[in-house]
Structure formats: C-alpha cells, structure tokens
Amino acid sequence: MPAHTSDPIHDMFVQYKTIAVVGLSAKLDRPSYRVAKFLQEQGYRIIPVTPTYDAVLGEKAYPNLLDVPKNQPVEIVDIFRRPEYVPEIVDQAIKIGAKVVWMQLGIVHENAAAKARSHGLQVVMDKCTKPEFTNRFLSSQV
C-alpha cells in the first residue's frame, strides 16, 4: 500500500460535511440531482440553492447563498451553474464564510478562483464531486 500523500480533495471530504449545491435541480435525470443525492447518501448535509424549488431531496431550498440561515454554516459550495454566474456565487461564498468553492465538470473561472483563494477558500475546478469521492473512498469496495 502506498504511503499517504497530500490530497486536498480527500481532506475536504473528510473535514467538511455541509455542501450547498448551487443550481440543484429536482429533476431526477439532471447531474446536479444525481450528484447531490449521492453525496446525501454518503452522509453529507445538502443545502439546495435554487430559486426554482421550495425543497429538493427533502431539504429546504434557498434562492441564493446569502439566504441560507447563519445557523446552517455552509462549508463547501458545489456549483452547477455556467461560468458566467461563478463570480457572483464566489462573492456570496466569501460573504457567508464558506471554506471551499467547487466548480463542477466543465466549469472553470480563473478570476473567480483567484478571488476565492485570496480570501482563504480552497478551490476545485472542472471536477465532479461524485467520481472524486468514489475514487477516494469507495473504489476499494468494488
């Protein structure tokens, strides 16, 4: 077995347990729904952030990150929105004290990432949380 190497993504999954999913859809065939449901099944608290629904996956939805009650601190902001929406989401993530901004597959915004990092947030871009979690924690169970 190889020696443990520094893996920031592994550490994020271990350290943080509350994930705001921005752009979460209630449609079962949408990637945001499938990924959020998977993370919820792994024991993570999911906070839906979408103006479209009142609730998703049994959790109350909020129109944006600033509307999430302060007694429900968001640790990871998982973004399922197009890149042009990322700067505003990052600004909100900074304001609420999130620890991580995670941009899903196909989502890259270098300027917003640099701003998040300059405010002490960790940033992941162009990666999906589901396979990243699976590869680190479930692949040995297959």
Protein backbone atom coordinates (compact mmCIF):
# COMPACT_ATOMS: atom_id res chain seq x y z
CA MET A 1 0.00 0.00 0.00
CA PRO A 2 1.46 3.38 -0.99
CA ALA A 3 2.29 5.94 1.65
CA HIS A 4 -0.33 8.64 2.17
CA THR A 5 0.39 11.67 0.04
CA SER A 6 -1.13 15.09 0.42
CA ASP A 7 -4.56 15.03 -1.19
CA PRO A 8 -6.51 18.24 -0.62
CA ILE A 9 -9.71 16.82 -2.14
CA HIS A 10 -9.61 13.80 0.19
CA ASP A 11 -9.09 16.15 3.12
CA MET A 12 -12.04 18.34 2.04
CA PHE A 13 -14.38 15.36 2.03
CA VAL A 14 -13.18 14.28 5.48
CA GLN A 15 -13.18 17.72 7.09
CA TYR A 16 -16.34 19.30 5.68
CA LYS A 17 -19.83 17.80 5.89
CA THR A 18 -22.21 20.55 4.73
CA ILE A 19 -22.49 21.19 0.99
CA ALA A 20 -24.58 23.92 -0.63
CA VAL A 21 -25.40 22.75 -4.14
CA VAL A 22 -25.91 25.86 -6.28
CA GLY A 23 -28.11 25.14 -9.27
CA LEU A 24 -29.58 21.95 -7.80
CA SER A 25 -32.45 20.62 -9.88
CA ALA A 26 -35.31 18.46 -8.60
CA LYS A 27 -35.34 16.61 -11.94
CA LEU A 28 -34.07 13.08 -11.34
CA ASP A 29 -32.22 12.92 -14.67
CA ARG A 30 -30.14 16.05 -14.05
CA PRO A 31 -26.48 15.67 -13.00
CA SER A 32 -26.95 18.11 -10.10
CA TYR A 33 -29.73 15.95 -8.65
CA ARG A 34 -27.82 12.67 -9.08
CA VAL A 35 -24.63 14.08 -7.54
CA ALA A 36 -26.42 15.76 -4.61
CA LYS A 37 -28.42 12.59 -3.90
CA PHE A 38 -25.20 10.55 -3.93
CA LEU A 39 -23.47 12.95 -1.53
CA GLN A 40 -26.52 12.93 0.74
CA GLU A 41 -26.41 9.11 0.75
CA GLN A 42 -22.76 9.33 1.86
CA GLY A 43 -23.82 11.30 4.94
CA TYR A 44 -23.30 14.88 3.77
CA ARG A 45 -25.81 17.60 4.62
CA ILE A 46 -27.10 19.04 1.35
CA ILE A 47 -28.42 22.59 1.18
CA PRO A 48 -30.19 23.20 -2.14
CA VAL A 49 -29.54 26.65 -3.58
CA THR A 50 -32.02 27.32 -6.36
CA PRO A 51 -34.81 29.84 -6.83
CA THR A 52 -36.81 27.28 -8.82
CA TYR A 53 -37.91 24.95 -5.99
CA ASP A 54 -39.05 25.19 -2.38
CA ALA A 55 -37.30 21.92 -1.48
CA VAL A 56 -35.09 19.29 -3.10
CA LEU A 57 -34.06 15.93 -1.65
CA GLY A 58 -36.14 16.62 1.45
CA GLU A 59 -34.20 19.79 2.25
CA LYS A 60 -35.49 23.38 2.15
CA ALA A 61 -34.13 25.26 -0.85
CA TYR A 62 -32.83 28.82 -0.78
CA PRO A 63 -32.73 31.23 -3.75
CA ASN A 64 -29.06 32.10 -3.16
CA LEU A 65 -26.25 31.51 -0.67
CA LEU A 66 -26.96 34.72 1.23
CA ASP A 67 -30.44 33.42 2.13
CA VAL A 68 -29.11 30.28 3.84
CA PRO A 69 -29.63 30.82 7.59
CA LYS A 70 -26.46 31.60 9.50
CA ASN A 71 -27.19 28.70 11.88
CA GLN A 72 -26.61 26.37 8.91
CA PRO A 73 -23.00 27.16 8.03
CA VAL A 74 -22.03 26.19 4.51
CA GLU A 75 -18.61 24.58 4.18
CA ILE A 76 -18.47 23.54 0.51
CA VAL A 77 -20.19 25.45 -2.29
CA ASP A 78 -20.74 22.98 -5.14
CA ILE A 79 -21.52 24.94 -8.32
CA PHE A 80 -23.72 23.58 -11.11
CA ARG A 81 -24.09 26.88 -12.97
CA ARG A 82 -22.50 28.22 -16.14
CA PRO A 83 -19.15 30.02 -15.78
CA GLU A 84 -20.65 33.49 -16.24
CA TYR A 85 -22.54 33.02 -12.93
CA VAL A 86 -19.49 31.90 -10.96
CA PRO A 87 -18.13 35.33 -9.88
CA GLU A 88 -21.39 36.25 -8.09
CA ILE A 89 -21.54 32.81 -6.45
CA VAL A 90 -17.92 33.15 -5.29
CA ASP A 91 -18.67 36.60 -3.85
CA GLN A 92 -21.56 35.08 -1.89
CA ALA A 93 -19.41 32.13 -0.78
CA ILE A 94 -16.83 34.58 0.59
CA LYS A 95 -19.54 36.60 2.41
CA ILE A 96 -21.02 33.54 4.14
CA GLY A 97 -17.64 32.17 5.21
CA ALA A 98 -17.57 29.02 3.08
CA LYS A 99 -14.35 27.01 3.11
CA VAL A 100 -14.39 25.53 -0.41
CA VAL A 101 -15.68 26.57 -3.84
CA TRP A 102 -16.12 23.54 -6.08
CA MET A 103 -16.88 24.09 -9.77
CA GLN A 104 -18.30 21.01 -11.44
CA LEU A 105 -17.11 19.39 -14.68
CA GLY A 106 -16.84 21.90 -17.50
CA ILE A 107 -16.91 24.89 -15.16
CA VAL A 108 -13.76 27.00 -15.00
CA HIS A 109 -13.42 30.64 -13.99
CA GLU A 110 -9.81 31.58 -13.24
CA ASN A 111 -10.53 35.12 -12.00
CA ALA A 112 -13.23 33.97 -9.58
CA ALA A 113 -10.97 31.15 -8.41
CA ALA A 114 -8.14 33.61 -7.74
CA LYS A 115 -10.50 35.85 -5.77
CA ALA A 116 -11.76 32.89 -3.70
CA ARG A 117 -8.18 31.80 -2.96
CA SER A 118 -7.20 35.34 -1.98
CA HIS A 119 -9.96 35.18 0.66
CA GLY A 120 -8.68 31.86 2.02
CA LEU A 121 -11.08 29.48 0.26
CA GLN A 122 -9.92 26.28 -1.33
CA VAL A 123 -10.90 25.92 -4.98
CA VAL A 124 -11.60 22.93 -7.18
CA MET A 125 -12.46 23.48 -10.85
CA ASP A 126 -13.66 21.24 -13.66
CA LYS A 127 -14.17 18.16 -11.44
CA CYS A 128 -17.28 16.31 -10.33
CA THR A 129 -17.67 15.58 -6.62
CA LYS A 130 -19.25 12.15 -7.20
CA PRO A 131 -16.34 10.42 -9.01
CA GLU A 132 -13.81 12.29 -6.89
CA PHE A 133 -15.47 10.92 -3.74
CA THR A 134 -15.91 7.44 -5.25
CA ASN A 135 -12.27 7.20 -6.34
CA ARG A 136 -11.05 8.09 -2.86
CA PHE A 137 -13.49 6.29 -0.59
CA LEU A 138 -15.46 3.63 -2.47
CA SER A 139 -13.22 2.23 -5.21
CA SER A 140 -11.69 -0.33 -2.83
CA GLN A 141 -15.17 -1.66 -2.06
CA VAL A 142 -15.88 -2.66 -5.68
